[in-house]
Structures are given as C-alpha cells and as structure tokens.
Amino acid sequence: MYSTFIKERSTLLGFDFCGIAAAVRLDDDAYRLEKWLKQNRHGSMHYMEKYFDERIDPSLLVPGAKSVITLLLNYF
C-alpha cells in the first residue's frame, strides 16, 4: 500500500536502492546460509554465526512484522 511512497522517499533521502519484501521465514535461504557458514565462507565476519533463526525469519526479530525494508547506500 505504501511501497511506492517509501521507495520514492528513500530516493529523495539519498539511498541508492530500496527493496520491500514480505517478512516470512526464508526456508530455501536457510539451507544455503547454513551451508555457507559451515564452509567458513563468512571469514572474519563472526557475527554472521549469531542469531541464525532471526536471520532466516524476520518475524522472530520483530513480532508482527509484515514487511522488511532494505535500504542501500554506497559509501565509497
């Protein structure tokens, strides 16, 4: 309902990209993330090992959430 408004506002605020997705459990991505972590592909990003369940299910992080808004900003 507010997707267009949010995306337009993010551009006005200087963000390079705005994506909006449903806040649902990401079962397919969970398998890939778990495999990636077990192969130590996260290198020195040890924080990636924490909060696995919350990473694959945003509703655990914010109960009742319906959407996830992702903003990108190139800082280089």
Protein backbone atom coordinates (compact mmCIF):
# COMPACT_ATOMS: atom_id res chain seq x y z
CA MET A 1 0.00 0.00 0.00
CA TYR A 2 2.79 2.42 0.90
CA SER A 3 5.52 0.77 -1.21
CA THR A 4 5.67 3.49 -3.85
CA PHE A 5 5.76 6.24 -1.22
CA ILE A 6 8.54 4.51 0.74
CA LYS A 7 10.65 3.90 -2.39
CA GLU A 8 10.22 7.47 -3.64
CA ARG A 9 11.06 8.87 -0.19
CA SER A 10 14.18 6.68 0.04
CA THR A 11 15.42 8.14 -3.25
CA LEU A 12 14.78 11.68 -2.01
CA LEU A 13 16.75 10.85 1.14
CA GLY A 14 19.72 9.76 -0.97
CA PHE A 15 19.55 5.97 -0.79
CA ASP A 16 20.76 4.07 -3.85
CA PHE A 17 18.17 1.33 -3.61
CA CYS A 18 15.07 0.41 -1.65
CA GLY A 19 13.59 -3.07 -1.62
CA ILE A 20 10.49 -4.29 0.18
CA ALA A 21 9.75 -7.97 0.86
CA ALA A 22 7.34 -10.00 2.95
CA ALA A 23 8.57 -10.79 6.48
CA VAL A 24 8.37 -14.56 6.12
CA ARG A 25 10.62 -17.48 7.02
CA LEU A 26 13.23 -18.00 4.29
CA ASP A 27 13.47 -21.79 4.21
CA ASP A 28 15.39 -22.03 0.91
CA ASP A 29 17.86 -19.38 2.02
CA ALA A 30 18.26 -21.04 5.43
CA TYR A 31 19.80 -24.12 3.84
CA ARG A 32 22.20 -22.03 1.77
CA LEU A 33 23.17 -19.83 4.73
CA GLU A 34 23.81 -22.84 6.94
CA LYS A 35 26.00 -24.45 4.26
CA TRP A 36 27.86 -21.17 3.68
CA LEU A 37 28.57 -20.82 7.41
CA LYS A 38 29.73 -24.44 7.75
CA GLN A 39 32.19 -23.85 4.91
CA ASN A 40 33.56 -20.81 6.82
CA ARG A 41 32.80 -18.54 3.88
CA HIS A 42 31.97 -15.74 6.28
CA GLY A 43 35.68 -15.30 7.04
CA SER A 44 36.22 -12.85 9.89
CA MET A 45 32.55 -11.83 9.97
CA HIS A 46 31.94 -13.90 13.13
CA TYR A 47 28.72 -12.02 13.85
CA MET A 48 27.18 -13.97 10.95
CA GLU A 49 27.29 -17.09 13.15
CA LYS A 50 24.95 -15.50 15.71
CA TYR A 51 21.16 -15.28 15.62
CA PHE A 52 20.70 -17.83 12.83
CA ASP A 53 16.97 -18.24 13.45
CA GLU A 54 16.38 -14.48 13.38
CA ARG A 55 18.34 -14.17 10.13
CA ILE A 56 16.06 -16.63 8.36
CA ASP A 57 12.79 -15.49 9.97
CA PRO A 58 12.45 -11.71 10.42
CA SER A 59 9.18 -12.15 12.33
CA LEU A 60 11.23 -13.58 15.23
CA LEU A 61 13.20 -10.35 15.41
CA VAL A 62 10.13 -8.09 15.17
CA PRO A 63 6.97 -10.00 16.14
CA GLY A 64 4.02 -9.00 13.98
CA ALA A 65 6.19 -7.57 11.20
CA LYS A 66 4.59 -7.85 7.79
CA SER A 67 7.37 -6.44 5.60
CA VAL A 68 11.12 -5.93 5.57
CA ILE A 69 12.51 -2.74 4.05
CA THR A 70 16.09 -2.87 2.82
CA LEU A 71 17.97 0.33 2.02
CA LEU A 72 21.32 0.50 0.26
CA LEU A 73 23.77 3.38 0.41
CA ASN A 74 27.09 3.30 -1.41
CA TYR A 75 29.63 4.87 0.92
CA PHE A 76 32.62 4.69 -1.41
